[in-house]
Amino acid sequence: MAVGALLFAVVLAVVWFFRREESPEQQLAFKATRVELVSSIEVALARGSVAEKSAVLAATDQESQKYADQARATALEVDRKRQDLAKLLDTGGTQREKELLAQFSQSFADLRRVDDEVLELAVRGTNLKAYDLLFGPAAAALGEMNRSLDRIAAGAGGGPDGRQVVVLALGAETAIQRIQILLAPHIATESDPKMDELEGAMRKDEEEVRRDLAALMAPPGLRGSADAAAASSAFGRYEGIKRQILTLSRENTNVRSLALSLNQKRNATALCLEALAALKQAVLDEPIPGVSYGNFPNPRR
């Protein structure tokens, strides 16, 4: 390793010696190489940002993972190009250019830390999984319970007992529907206090469903009723699914990854691009003896 480091230092010294003897054309070519490399880093950053956003917004785990892998691969590409640029600047860049590259390197390190967190959250997709449960198994269990209650209400007949059965069946249906409605904003919110508030309202509705179902079992005509048993069983399944939904919703990975992407990630990307723009301008401003770029007229004037 020591011998390799020494050889590399010798190579740099030789390159620097011959660079002092370069013609203006060769110096222009060297400048163009550096500018092109900075531009390629900018393009790669943009591609990585698109892949990261796609991972956050993907509708399935597979898509999210695919775009996350693309974003990580692009980050590695940017880092390789950054190292290549550092070697070029070591052979002939100005101190200002090296300082700007160091500034970019720090900003890029911060960007990668944010990216790692965003992508790790995005691929877990807990909010999307919660929505799948809400509009799939939970909705199915709710529908089965309500159909059983509708049959009970339809066969209740007249008289005070019949009317009471209808009221209890309708009360249970209304309460479980309110729970279903409250679950959607619970999944969407990033506020723990708001989640606590929604869960408190759900608990009250659950208690009402239990009371109504228990009361429906009381009339002699409904004891041992297949529909009453089916309604109770469906509600039990619904409660189990609801607990899964709340657990996934509390993890909130999709909401958190989107918030990070729109805030910290955007800010970190902006700092990287600002450093690259300044670096590119510094390279362009680097004077070449005997070469004048002149002031080109604006064709719009």
C-alpha atoms as a PDB file:
ATOM      1  CA  MET A   1       0.000   0.000   0.000  1.00  0.00           C
ATOM      2  CA  ALA A   2       2.862   2.392   0.820  1.00  0.00           C
ATOM      3  CA  VAL A   3       4.533   1.638  -2.513  1.00  0.00           C
ATOM      4  CA  GLY A   4       1.233   2.176  -4.340  1.00  0.00           C
ATOM      5  CA  ALA A   5       0.678   5.508  -2.637  1.00  0.00           C
ATOM      6  CA  LEU A   6       4.207   6.579  -3.539  1.00  0.00           C
ATOM      7  CA  LEU A   7       3.721   5.600  -7.192  1.00  0.00           C
ATOM      8  CA  PHE A   8       0.437   7.508  -7.334  1.00  0.00           C
ATOM      9  CA  ALA A   9       2.152  10.595  -5.916  1.00  0.00           C
ATOM     10  CA  VAL A  10       4.894  10.279  -8.524  1.00  0.00           C
ATOM     11  CA  VAL A  11       2.310   9.977 -11.313  1.00  0.00           C
ATOM     12  CA  LEU A  12       0.525  13.097 -10.096  1.00  0.00           C
ATOM     13  CA  ALA A  13       3.793  14.994  -9.956  1.00  0.00           C
ATOM     14  CA  VAL A  14       4.648  13.968 -13.521  1.00  0.00           C
ATOM     15  CA  VAL A  15       1.170  14.914 -14.759  1.00  0.00           C
ATOM     16  CA  TRP A  16       1.408  18.273 -13.042  1.00  0.00           C
ATOM     17  CA  PHE A  17       4.855  18.910 -14.547  1.00  0.00           C
ATOM     18  CA  PHE A  18       3.641  18.251 -18.058  1.00  0.00           C
ATOM     19  CA  ARG A  19       0.416  20.191 -17.503  1.00  0.00           C
ATOM     20  CA  ARG A  20       2.491  23.315 -16.995  1.00  0.00           C
ATOM     21  CA  GLU A  21       3.809  22.803 -20.534  1.00  0.00           C
ATOM     22  CA  GLU A  22       0.379  22.196 -22.108  1.00  0.00           C
ATOM     23  CA  SER A  23      -0.784  24.228 -25.068  1.00  0.00           C
ATOM     24  CA  PRO A  24      -3.908  26.402 -24.769  1.00  0.00           C
ATOM     25  CA  GLU A  25      -5.800  23.755 -26.758  1.00  0.00           C
ATOM     26  CA  GLN A  26      -4.798  21.055 -24.276  1.00  0.00           C
ATOM     27  CA  GLN A  27      -5.774  23.272 -21.346  1.00  0.00           C
ATOM     28  CA  LEU A  28      -9.140  23.932 -22.977  1.00  0.00           C
ATOM     29  CA  ALA A  29      -9.628  20.187 -23.389  1.00  0.00           C
ATOM     30  CA  PHE A  30      -8.768  19.635 -19.720  1.00  0.00           C
ATOM     31  CA  LYS A  31     -11.254  22.322 -18.737  1.00  0.00           C
ATOM     32  CA  ALA A  32     -13.923  20.710 -20.928  1.00  0.00           C
ATOM     33  CA  THR A  33     -13.267  17.324 -19.321  1.00  0.00           C
ATOM     34  CA  ARG A  34     -13.843  18.720 -15.852  1.00  0.00           C
ATOM     35  CA  VAL A  35     -16.969  20.630 -16.880  1.00  0.00           C
ATOM     36  CA  GLU A  36     -18.375  17.532 -18.570  1.00  0.00           C
ATOM     37  CA  LEU A  37     -17.730  15.441 -15.470  1.00  0.00           C
ATOM     38  CA  VAL A  38     -19.478  17.980 -13.231  1.00  0.00           C
ATOM     39  CA  SER A  39     -22.415  18.041 -15.648  1.00  0.00           C
ATOM     40  CA  SER A  40     -22.622  14.244 -15.625  1.00  0.00           C
ATOM     41  CA  ILE A  41     -22.774  14.321 -11.820  1.00  0.00           C
ATOM     42  CA  GLU A  42     -25.662  16.805 -12.019  1.00  0.00           C
ATOM     43  CA  VAL A  43     -27.513  14.530 -14.434  1.00  0.00           C
ATOM     44  CA  ALA A  44     -26.926  11.479 -12.243  1.00  0.00           C
ATOM     45  CA  LEU A  45     -28.211  13.365  -9.205  1.00  0.00           C
ATOM     46  CA  ALA A  46     -31.371  14.237 -11.119  1.00  0.00           C
ATOM     47  CA  ARG A  47     -31.870  10.596 -12.138  1.00  0.00           C
ATOM     48  CA  GLY A  48     -31.360   9.495  -8.559  1.00  0.00           C
ATOM     49  CA  SER A  49     -33.905  12.005  -7.340  1.00  0.00           C
ATOM     50  CA  VAL A  50     -36.493  10.738  -9.837  1.00  0.00           C
ATOM     51  CA  ALA A  51     -35.852   7.126  -8.787  1.00  0.00           C
ATOM     52  CA  GLU A  52     -36.145   8.065  -5.103  1.00  0.00           C
ATOM     53  CA  LYS A  53     -39.467   9.871  -5.674  1.00  0.00           C
ATOM     54  CA  SER A  54     -40.723   6.877  -7.650  1.00  0.00           C
ATOM     55  CA  ALA A  55     -39.804   4.563  -4.767  1.00  0.00           C
ATOM     56  CA  VAL A  56     -41.737   6.760  -2.346  1.00  0.00           C
ATOM     57  CA  LEU A  57     -44.828   6.986  -4.572  1.00  0.00           C
ATOM     58  CA  ALA A  58     -44.830   3.403  -5.907  1.00  0.00           C
ATOM     59  CA  ALA A  59     -48.079   1.502  -5.499  1.00  0.00           C
ATOM     60  CA  THR A  60     -46.516  -1.898  -4.744  1.00  0.00           C
ATOM     61  CA  ASP A  61     -43.607  -3.265  -2.716  1.00  0.00           C
ATOM     62  CA  GLN A  62     -42.014  -4.636  -5.877  1.00  0.00           C
ATOM     63  CA  GLU A  63     -42.082  -1.288  -7.671  1.00  0.00           C
ATOM     64  CA  SER A  64     -40.824   0.554  -4.595  1.00  0.00           C
ATOM     65  CA  GLN A  65     -37.917  -1.877  -4.217  1.00  0.00           C
ATOM     66  CA  LYS A  66     -37.046  -1.608  -7.917  1.00  0.00           C
ATOM     67  CA  TYR A  67     -36.860   2.183  -7.811  1.00  0.00           C
ATOM     68  CA  ALA A  68     -35.021   2.139  -4.476  1.00  0.00           C
ATOM     69  CA  ASP A  69     -32.378  -0.122  -6.023  1.00  0.00           C
ATOM     70  CA  GLN A  70     -32.093   2.306  -8.950  1.00  0.00           C
ATOM     71  CA  ALA A  71     -31.674   5.247  -6.576  1.00  0.00           C
ATOM     72  CA  ARG A  72     -28.947   3.474  -4.617  1.00  0.00           C
ATOM     73  CA  ALA A  73     -27.132   2.457  -7.816  1.00  0.00           C
ATOM     74  CA  THR A  74     -27.235   6.057  -9.022  1.00  0.00           C
ATOM     75  CA  ALA A  75     -25.791   7.256  -5.719  1.00  0.00           C
ATOM     76  CA  LEU A  76     -22.860   4.885  -6.212  1.00  0.00           C
ATOM     77  CA  GLU A  77     -22.424   6.255  -9.733  1.00  0.00           C
ATOM     78  CA  VAL A  78     -22.339   9.818  -8.404  1.00  0.00           C
ATOM     79  CA  ASP A  79     -19.755   8.831  -5.827  1.00  0.00           C
ATOM     80  CA  ARG A  80     -17.532   7.212  -8.478  1.00  0.00           C
ATOM     81  CA  LYS A  81     -17.717  10.314 -10.642  1.00  0.00           C
ATOM     82  CA  ARG A  82     -16.996  12.479  -7.595  1.00  0.00           C
ATOM     83  CA  GLN A  83     -13.834  10.488  -6.944  1.00  0.00           C
ATOM     84  CA  ASP A  84     -12.823  10.757 -10.606  1.00  0.00           C
ATOM     85  CA  LEU A  85     -13.295  14.517 -10.434  1.00  0.00           C
ATOM     86  CA  ALA A  86     -11.197  14.710  -7.270  1.00  0.00           C
ATOM     87  CA  LYS A  87      -8.336  12.969  -9.065  1.00  0.00           C
ATOM     88  CA  LEU A  88      -8.607  15.402 -11.975  1.00  0.00           C
ATOM     89  CA  LEU A  89      -8.547  18.404  -9.667  1.00  0.00           C
ATOM     90  CA  ASP A  90      -5.500  16.978  -7.899  1.00  0.00           C
ATOM     91  CA  THR A  91      -3.652  17.055 -11.224  1.00  0.00           C
ATOM     92  CA  GLY A  92      -4.541  20.629 -12.147  1.00  0.00           C
ATOM     93  CA  GLY A  93      -7.520  22.120 -10.373  1.00  0.00           C
ATOM     94  CA  THR A  94      -7.364  25.354  -8.425  1.00  0.00           C
ATOM     95  CA  GLN A  95      -7.631  25.523  -4.660  1.00  0.00           C
ATOM     96  CA  ARG A  96     -11.085  27.094  -5.044  1.00  0.00           C
ATOM     97  CA  GLU A  97     -12.253  24.168  -7.171  1.00  0.00           C
ATOM     98  CA  LYS A  98     -10.977  21.694  -4.588  1.00  0.00           C
ATOM     99  CA  GLU A  99     -12.776  23.575  -1.821  1.00  0.00           C
ATOM    100  CA  LEU A 100     -16.028  23.522  -3.787  1.00  0.00           C
ATOM    101  CA  LEU A 101     -15.664  19.809  -4.450  1.00  0.00           C
ATOM    102  CA  ALA A 102     -15.116  19.252  -0.723  1.00  0.00           C
ATOM    103  CA  GLN A 103     -18.280  21.276  -0.079  1.00  0.00           C
ATOM    104  CA  PHE A 104     -20.179  19.096  -2.546  1.00  0.00           C
ATOM    105  CA  SER A 105     -18.757  15.946  -0.966  1.00  0.00           C
ATOM    106  CA  GLN A 106     -20.062  16.995   2.442  1.00  0.00           C
ATOM    107  CA  SER A 107     -23.477  17.886   1.039  1.00  0.00           C
ATOM    108  CA  PHE A 108     -23.599  14.613  -0.882  1.00  0.00           C
ATOM    109  CA  ALA A 109     -22.775  12.644   2.273  1.00  0.00           C
ATOM    110  CA  ASP A 110     -25.710  14.370   3.988  1.00  0.00           C
ATOM    111  CA  LEU A 111     -27.905  13.623   0.985  1.00  0.00           C
ATOM    112  CA  ARG A 112     -27.034   9.935   1.094  1.00  0.00           C
ATOM    113  CA  ARG A 113     -27.930   9.734   4.782  1.00  0.00           C
ATOM    114  CA  VAL A 114     -31.345  11.227   4.053  1.00  0.00           C
ATOM    115  CA  ASP A 115     -31.748   8.988   1.011  1.00  0.00           C
ATOM    116  CA  ASP A 116     -30.984   5.870   3.037  1.00  0.00           C
ATOM    117  CA  GLU A 117     -33.711   6.755   5.523  1.00  0.00           C
ATOM    118  CA  VAL A 118     -36.240   7.704   2.842  1.00  0.00           C
ATOM    119  CA  LEU A 119     -35.705   4.510   0.834  1.00  0.00           C
ATOM    120  CA  GLU A 120     -35.684   2.245   3.893  1.00  0.00           C
ATOM    121  CA  LEU A 121     -39.082   3.662   4.894  1.00  0.00           C
ATOM    122  CA  ALA A 122     -40.503   3.684   1.370  1.00  0.00           C
ATOM    123  CA  VAL A 123     -39.908  -0.001   0.647  1.00  0.00           C
ATOM    124  CA  ARG A 124     -41.709  -1.036   3.848  1.00  0.00           C
ATOM    125  CA  GLY A 125     -44.913   0.605   2.582  1.00  0.00           C
ATOM    126  CA  THR A 126     -46.908   0.221   5.800  1.00  0.00           C
ATOM    127  CA  ASN A 127     -49.510   2.841   4.908  1.00  0.00           C
ATOM    128  CA  LEU A 128     -50.213   1.163   1.566  1.00  0.00           C
ATOM    129  CA  LYS A 129     -50.511  -2.195   3.327  1.00  0.00           C
ATOM    130  CA  ALA A 130     -52.948  -0.621   5.795  1.00  0.00           C
ATOM    131  CA  TYR A 131     -55.082   0.723   2.928  1.00  0.00           C
ATOM    132  CA  ASP A 132     -55.070  -2.716   1.307  1.00  0.00           C
ATOM    133  CA  LEU A 133     -56.403  -4.240   4.524  1.00  0.00           C
ATOM    134  CA  LEU A 134     -58.948  -1.449   4.983  1.00  0.00           C
ATOM    135  CA  PHE A 135     -60.508  -1.707   1.539  1.00  0.00           C
ATOM    136  CA  GLY A 136     -60.000  -5.474   1.241  1.00  0.00           C
ATOM    137  CA  PRO A 137     -60.417  -7.842   4.216  1.00  0.00           C
ATOM    138  CA  ALA A 138     -61.841  -5.202   6.584  1.00  0.00           C
ATOM    139  CA  ALA A 139     -64.472  -4.088   4.075  1.00  0.00           C
ATOM    140  CA  ALA A 140     -65.355  -7.737   3.387  1.00  0.00           C
ATOM    141  CA  ALA A 141     -65.834  -8.511   7.095  1.00  0.00           C
ATOM    142  CA  LEU A 142     -67.897  -5.338   7.530  1.00  0.00           C
ATOM    143  CA  GLY A 143     -70.093  -6.289   4.562  1.00  0.00           C
ATOM    144  CA  GLU A 144     -70.666  -9.796   5.920  1.00  0.00           C
ATOM    145  CA  MET A 145     -71.640  -8.424   9.325  1.00  0.00           C
ATOM    146  CA  ASN A 146     -74.040  -5.889   7.830  1.00  0.00           C
ATOM    147  CA  ARG A 147     -75.719  -8.472   5.587  1.00  0.00           C
ATOM    148  CA  SER A 148     -76.332 -10.694   8.613  1.00  0.00           C
ATOM    149  CA  LEU A 149     -77.788  -7.752  10.537  1.00  0.00           C
ATOM    150  CA  ASP A 150     -79.977  -6.803   7.563  1.00  0.00           C
ATOM    151  CA  ARG A 151     -81.463 -10.314   7.533  1.00  0.00           C
ATOM    152  CA  ILE A 152     -82.094 -10.101  11.279  1.00  0.00           C
ATOM    153  CA  ALA A 153     -83.846  -6.729  10.855  1.00  0.00           C
ATOM    154  CA  ALA A 154     -85.886  -7.988   7.891  1.00  0.00           C
ATOM    155  CA  GLY A 155     -87.205 -10.923   9.920  1.00  0.00           C
ATOM    156  CA  ALA A 156     -87.900  -8.955  13.102  1.00  0.00           C
ATOM    157  CA  GLY A 157     -91.617  -8.450  12.406  1.00  0.00           C
ATOM    158  CA  GLY A 158     -93.835  -5.855  14.046  1.00  0.00           C
ATOM    159  CA  GLY A 159     -94.392  -4.979  17.671  1.00  0.00           C
ATOM    160  CA  PRO A 160     -92.093  -3.377  20.251  1.00  0.00           C
ATOM    161  CA  ASP A 161     -89.597  -6.264  20.240  1.00  0.00           C
ATOM    162  CA  GLY A 162     -89.349  -6.185  16.473  1.00  0.00           C
ATOM    163  CA  ARG A 163     -88.778  -2.456  16.400  1.00  0.00           C
ATOM    164  CA  GLN A 164     -86.091  -2.798  19.086  1.00  0.00           C
ATOM    165  CA  VAL A 165     -84.316  -5.467  17.044  1.00  0.00           C
ATOM    166  CA  VAL A 166     -84.300  -3.145  14.006  1.00  0.00           C
ATOM    167  CA  VAL A 167     -82.904  -0.281  16.119  1.00  0.00           C
ATOM    168  CA  LEU A 168     -80.129  -2.501  17.540  1.00  0.00           C
ATOM    169  CA  ALA A 169     -79.188  -3.893  14.116  1.00  0.00           C
ATOM    170  CA  LEU A 170     -79.101  -0.418  12.587  1.00  0.00           C
ATOM    171  CA  GLY A 171     -77.078   0.907  15.538  1.00  0.00           C
ATOM    172  CA  ALA A 172     -74.433  -1.806  15.144  1.00  0.00           C
ATOM    173  CA  GLU A 173     -74.235  -1.224  11.379  1.00  0.00           C
ATOM    174  CA  THR A 174     -73.879   2.533  11.803  1.00  0.00           C
ATOM    175  CA  ALA A 175     -71.204   2.214  14.502  1.00  0.00           C
ATOM    176  CA  ILE A 176     -69.003  -0.174  12.527  1.00  0.00           C
ATOM    177  CA  GLN A 177     -69.367   2.010   9.439  1.00  0.00           C
ATOM    178  CA  ARG A 178     -68.095   4.972  11.475  1.00  0.00           C
ATOM    179  CA  ILE A 179     -65.049   2.910  12.479  1.00  0.00           C
ATOM    180  CA  GLN A 180     -64.367   2.116   8.830  1.00  0.00           C
ATOM    181  CA  ILE A 181     -64.618   5.801   7.919  1.00  0.00           C
ATOM    182  CA  LEU A 182     -62.252   6.851  10.743  1.00  0.00           C
ATOM    183  CA  LEU A 183     -59.569   4.363   9.733  1.00  0.00           C
ATOM    184  CA  ALA A 184     -58.811   6.162   6.447  1.00  0.00           C
ATOM    185  CA  PRO A 185     -57.718   9.474   8.036  1.00  0.00           C
ATOM    186  CA  HIS A 186     -55.830   7.501  10.689  1.00  0.00           C
ATOM    187  CA  ILE A 187     -53.726   5.910   7.941  1.00  0.00           C
ATOM    188  CA  ALA A 188     -53.199   9.247   6.185  1.00  0.00           C
ATOM    189  CA  THR A 189     -52.196  11.410   9.160  1.00  0.00           C
ATOM    190  CA  GLU A 190     -48.636  11.828  10.438  1.00  0.00           C
ATOM    191  CA  SER A 191     -49.813  13.256  13.767  1.00  0.00           C
ATOM    192  CA  ASP A 192     -49.719  10.920  16.786  1.00  0.00           C
ATOM    193  CA  PRO A 193     -52.151  13.102  18.784  1.00  0.00           C
ATOM    194  CA  LYS A 194     -54.607  12.970  15.869  1.00  0.00           C
ATOM    195  CA  MET A 195     -54.232   9.187  15.751  1.00  0.00           C
ATOM    196  CA  ASP A 196     -54.942   9.027  19.494  1.00  0.00           C
ATOM    197  CA  GLU A 197     -58.087  11.092  18.981  1.00  0.00           C
ATOM    198  CA  LEU A 198     -59.325   8.884  16.129  1.00  0.00           C
ATOM    199  CA  GLU A 199     -58.639   5.695  18.073  1.00  0.00           C
ATOM    200  CA  GLY A 200     -60.574   7.075  21.031  1.00  0.00           C
ATOM    201  CA  ALA A 201     -63.614   7.650  18.798  1.00  0.00           C
ATOM    202  CA  MET A 202     -63.236   4.138  17.363  1.00  0.00           C
ATOM    203  CA  ARG A 203     -63.216   2.585  20.823  1.00  0.00           C
ATOM    204  CA  LYS A 204     -66.564   4.225  21.614  1.00  0.00           C
ATOM    205  CA  ASP A 205     -68.056   2.855  18.406  1.00  0.00           C
ATOM    206  CA  GLU A 206     -66.664  -0.616  19.151  1.00  0.00           C
ATOM    207  CA  GLU A 207     -68.334  -0.554  22.549  1.00  0.00           C
ATOM    208  CA  GLU A 208     -71.628   0.350  20.875  1.00  0.00           C
ATOM    209  CA  VAL A 209     -71.304  -2.533  18.405  1.00  0.00           C
ATOM    210  CA  ARG A 210     -70.634  -4.975  21.237  1.00  0.00           C
ATOM    211  CA  ARG A 211     -73.603  -3.709  23.252  1.00  0.00           C
ATOM    212  CA  ASP A 212     -75.942  -3.892  20.265  1.00  0.00           C
ATOM    213  CA  LEU A 213     -74.785  -7.379  19.265  1.00  0.00           C
ATOM    214  CA  ALA A 214     -75.135  -8.612  22.852  1.00  0.00           C
ATOM    215  CA  ALA A 215     -78.650  -7.119  23.082  1.00  0.00           C
ATOM    216  CA  LEU A 216     -79.620  -8.784  19.807  1.00  0.00           C
ATOM    217  CA  MET A 217     -78.847 -12.160  21.368  1.00  0.00           C
ATOM    218  CA  ALA A 218     -81.283 -11.518  24.247  1.00  0.00           C
ATOM    219  CA  PRO A 219     -84.713 -11.983  22.547  1.00  0.00           C
ATOM    220  CA  PRO A 220     -85.822 -15.632  22.681  1.00  0.00           C
ATOM    221  CA  GLY A 221     -86.341 -15.674  18.931  1.00  0.00           C
ATOM    222  CA  LEU A 222     -82.709 -14.748  18.222  1.00  0.00           C
ATOM    223  CA  ARG A 223     -80.983 -17.044  20.677  1.00  0.00           C
ATOM    224  CA  GLY A 224     -78.968 -19.482  18.635  1.00  0.00           C
ATOM    225  CA  SER A 225     -79.700 -17.488  15.480  1.00  0.00           C
ATOM    226  CA  ALA A 226     -77.261 -18.303  12.663  1.00  0.00           C
ATOM    227  CA  ASP A 227     -77.378 -14.691  11.464  1.00  0.00           C
ATOM    228  CA  ALA A 228     -76.651 -13.322  14.943  1.00  0.00           C
ATOM    229  CA  ALA A 229     -73.716 -15.718  15.295  1.00  0.00           C
ATOM    230  CA  ALA A 230     -72.471 -14.767  11.810  1.00  0.00           C
ATOM    231  CA  ALA A 231     -72.659 -11.052  12.649  1.00  0.00           C
ATOM    232  CA  SER A 232     -70.718 -11.585  15.867  1.00  0.00           C
ATOM    233  CA  SER A 233     -68.093 -13.715  14.109  1.00  0.00           C
ATOM    234  CA  ALA A 234     -67.656 -11.157  11.324  1.00  0.00           C
ATOM    235  CA  PHE A 235     -67.220  -8.393  13.877  1.00  0.00           C
ATOM    236  CA  GLY A 236     -64.531 -10.427  15.646  1.00  0.00           C
ATOM    237  CA  ARG A 237     -62.633 -10.780  12.370  1.00  0.00           C
ATOM    238  CA  TYR A 238     -63.073  -7.084  11.677  1.00  0.00           C
ATOM    239  CA  GLU A 239     -61.573  -6.185  15.056  1.00  0.00           C
ATOM    240  CA  GLY A 240     -58.516  -8.346  14.370  1.00  0.00           C
ATOM    241  CA  ILE A 241     -57.986  -6.737  10.964  1.00  0.00           C
ATOM    242  CA  LYS A 242     -58.478  -3.286  12.472  1.00  0.00           C
ATOM    243  CA  ARG A 243     -55.702  -3.936  14.973  1.00  0.00           C
ATOM    244  CA  GLN A 244     -53.359  -4.850  12.112  1.00  0.00           C
ATOM    245  CA  ILE A 245     -54.347  -1.663  10.289  1.00  0.00           C
ATOM    246  CA  LEU A 246     -53.656   0.495  13.331  1.00  0.00           C
ATOM    247  CA  THR A 247     -50.240  -1.115  13.856  1.00  0.00           C
ATOM    248  CA  LEU A 248     -49.245  -0.511  10.231  1.00  0.00           C
ATOM    249  CA  SER A 249     -50.683   3.001  10.313  1.00  0.00           C
ATOM    250  CA  ARG A 250     -48.657   3.848  13.418  1.00  0.00           C
ATOM    251  CA  GLU A 251     -45.443   2.872  11.632  1.00  0.00           C
ATOM    252  CA  ASN A 252     -46.436   5.418   9.001  1.00  0.00           C
ATOM    253  CA  THR A 253     -43.542   4.626   6.669  1.00  0.00           C
ATOM    254  CA  ASN A 254     -45.111   5.991   3.484  1.00  0.00           C
ATOM    255  CA  VAL A 255     -46.167   9.248   5.115  1.00  0.00           C
ATOM    256  CA  ARG A 256     -42.789   9.675   6.814  1.00  0.00           C
ATOM    257  CA  SER A 257     -40.801   8.895   3.676  1.00  0.00           C
ATOM    258  CA  LEU A 258     -42.858  11.388   1.657  1.00  0.00           C
ATOM    259  CA  ALA A 259     -42.351  14.099   4.282  1.00  0.00           C
ATOM    260  CA  LEU A 260     -38.587  13.454   4.290  1.00  0.00           C
ATOM    261  CA  SER A 261     -38.505  13.467   0.500  1.00  0.00           C
ATOM    262  CA  LEU A 262     -40.328  16.776   0.244  1.00  0.00           C
ATOM    263  CA  ASN A 263     -38.298  18.490   2.956  1.00  0.00           C
ATOM    264  CA  GLN A 264     -34.866  17.197   4.037  1.00  0.00           C
ATOM    265  CA  LYS A 265     -34.174  15.407   0.734  1.00  0.00           C
ATOM    266  CA  ARG A 266     -35.107  18.451  -1.338  1.00  0.00           C
ATOM    267  CA  ASN A 267     -32.948  20.730   0.796  1.00  0.00           C
ATOM    268  CA  ALA A 268     -29.971  18.343   0.695  1.00  0.00           C
ATOM    269  CA  THR A 269     -30.277  18.013  -3.090  1.00  0.00           C
ATOM    270  CA  ALA A 270     -30.392  21.792  -3.497  1.00  0.00           C
ATOM    271  CA  LEU A 271     -27.138  22.173  -1.531  1.00  0.00           C
ATOM    272  CA  CYS A 272     -25.458  19.558  -3.728  1.00  0.00           C
ATOM    273  CA  LEU A 273     -26.572  21.278  -6.915  1.00  0.00           C
ATOM    274  CA  GLU A 274     -25.496  24.692  -5.645  1.00  0.00           C
ATOM    275  CA  ALA A 275     -21.995  23.376  -4.910  1.00  0.00           C
ATOM    276  CA  LEU A 276     -21.780  21.730  -8.339  1.00  0.00           C
ATOM    277  CA  ALA A 277     -22.959  24.886 -10.105  1.00  0.00           C
ATOM    278  CA  ALA A 278     -20.339  26.943  -8.278  1.00  0.00           C
ATOM    279  CA  LEU A 279     -17.678  24.349  -9.088  1.00  0.00           C
ATOM    280  CA  LYS A 280     -18.588  24.327 -12.768  1.00  0.00           C
ATOM    281  CA  GLN A 281     -18.444  28.125 -12.889  1.00  0.00           C
ATOM    282  CA  ALA A 282     -15.072  28.132 -11.138  1.00  0.00           C
ATOM    283  CA  VAL A 283     -13.688  25.755 -13.772  1.00  0.00           C
ATOM    284  CA  LEU A 284     -15.141  27.869 -16.567  1.00  0.00           C
ATOM    285  CA  ASP A 285     -13.674  31.037 -15.043  1.00  0.00           C
ATOM    286  CA  GLU A 286     -10.207  29.525 -14.777  1.00  0.00           C
ATOM    287  CA  PRO A 287      -7.988  31.633 -17.085  1.00  0.00           C
ATOM    288  CA  ILE A 288      -5.903  30.129 -19.856  1.00  0.00           C
ATOM    289  CA  PRO A 289      -2.905  32.225 -20.957  1.00  0.00           C
ATOM    290  CA  GLY A 290      -3.385  33.528 -24.482  1.00  0.00           C
ATOM    291  CA  VAL A 291      -7.092  32.614 -24.602  1.00  0.00           C
ATOM    292  CA  SER A 292      -9.852  35.206 -24.405  1.00  0.00           C
ATOM    293  CA  TYR A 293     -13.481  34.132 -24.427  1.00  0.00           C
ATOM    294  CA  GLY A 294     -14.696  37.629 -25.259  1.00  0.00           C
ATOM    295  CA  ASN A 295     -18.201  38.969 -24.766  1.00  0.00           C
ATOM    296  CA  PHE A 296     -20.672  37.429 -27.122  1.00  0.00           C
ATOM    297  CA  PRO A 297     -23.595  39.648 -28.190  1.00  0.00           C
ATOM    298  CA  ASN A 298     -27.080  38.671 -27.097  1.00  0.00           C
ATOM    299  CA  PRO A 299     -28.969  37.722 -30.296  1.00  0.00           C
ATOM    300  CA  ARG A 300     -32.294  38.727 -28.671  1.00  0.00           C
ATOM    301  CA  ARG A 301     -31.226  42.346 -28.418  1.00  0.00           C
END
